[in-house]
Amino acid sequence: MYTLRNCPTCDKAREALNERGIEFEERKVDESEAFWEEALNYAFTVPVILWDGGDVEVGWEGEHG
């Protein structure tokens, strides 16, 4: 999941995934230019979640960061 440090929507997504017991790798785009470049392949906003099976979810429950 691509996130920003100061993103309330990213916080909601992170918390929900943790509550549901879903393991994920968090890539903070504001801490790594490489992560930023990767995230731009999918969207210009966060969070961006790459699900198993290839599905991409941009935002969380209708919200974007």
Protein backbone atom coordinates (compact mmCIF):
# COMPACT_ATOMS: atom_id res chain seq x y z
CA MET A 1 0.00 0.00 0.00
CA TYR A 2 1.36 3.41 -0.99
CA THR A 3 0.70 6.10 1.60
CA LEU A 4 1.72 9.52 2.93
CA ARG A 5 2.75 10.11 6.54
CA ASN A 6 0.16 12.85 7.15
CA CYS A 7 -2.85 11.37 5.38
CA PRO A 8 -6.05 10.71 7.38
CA THR A 9 -7.40 8.46 4.63
CA CYS A 10 -4.19 6.42 4.68
CA ASP A 11 -4.56 6.14 8.46
CA LYS A 12 -8.11 4.79 8.04
CA ALA A 13 -6.99 2.25 5.45
CA ARG A 14 -4.05 1.12 7.59
CA GLU A 15 -6.24 0.73 10.68
CA ALA A 16 -8.95 -1.17 8.82
CA LEU A 17 -6.49 -3.57 7.22
CA ASN A 18 -4.86 -4.21 10.60
CA GLU A 19 -8.27 -4.77 12.26
CA ARG A 20 -9.17 -7.28 9.53
CA GLY A 21 -5.87 -9.11 9.97
CA ILE A 22 -4.73 -8.36 6.43
CA GLU A 23 -0.96 -8.27 6.12
CA PHE A 24 0.47 -5.54 3.92
CA GLU A 25 3.65 -3.70 3.10
CA GLU A 26 3.42 0.05 3.53
CA ARG A 27 5.41 2.24 1.16
CA LYS A 28 5.42 5.87 2.26
CA VAL A 29 5.80 7.94 -0.90
CA ASP A 30 6.97 11.01 1.02
CA GLU A 31 9.94 9.06 2.38
CA SER A 32 11.18 7.51 -0.87
CA GLU A 33 11.39 8.89 -4.38
CA ALA A 34 11.39 5.32 -5.69
CA PHE A 35 8.07 4.61 -3.92
CA TRP A 36 6.65 7.88 -5.30
CA GLU A 37 7.61 6.86 -8.84
CA GLU A 38 6.05 3.42 -8.35
CA ALA A 39 2.81 4.90 -7.00
CA LEU A 40 2.52 7.25 -9.98
CA ASN A 41 2.14 4.19 -12.20
CA TYR A 42 -1.29 3.72 -10.58
CA ALA A 43 -2.61 7.11 -9.46
CA PHE A 44 -1.79 10.68 -8.44
CA THR A 45 -3.32 10.25 -4.99
CA VAL A 46 -3.04 7.93 -2.01
CA PRO A 47 -3.66 5.45 -0.61
CA VAL A 48 -3.03 3.04 -3.45
CA ILE A 49 -3.55 -0.59 -2.48
CA LEU A 50 -2.27 -3.40 -4.68
CA TRP A 51 -4.30 -6.49 -3.85
CA ASP A 52 -3.28 -10.08 -4.45
CA GLY A 53 -4.54 -11.08 -7.85
CA GLY A 54 -3.60 -7.76 -9.45
CA ASP A 55 -6.53 -5.54 -8.40
CA VAL A 56 -5.64 -1.93 -7.64
CA GLU A 57 -7.69 0.18 -5.24
CA VAL A 58 -7.17 3.93 -5.26
CA GLY A 59 -8.38 5.61 -2.09
CA TRP A 60 -10.23 3.96 0.75
CA GLU A 61 -13.99 3.59 0.99
CA GLY A 62 -14.55 6.43 -1.45
CA GLU A 63 -12.00 8.80 0.09
CA HIS A 64 -8.64 9.92 -1.27
CA GLY A 65 -5.76 11.39 0.68
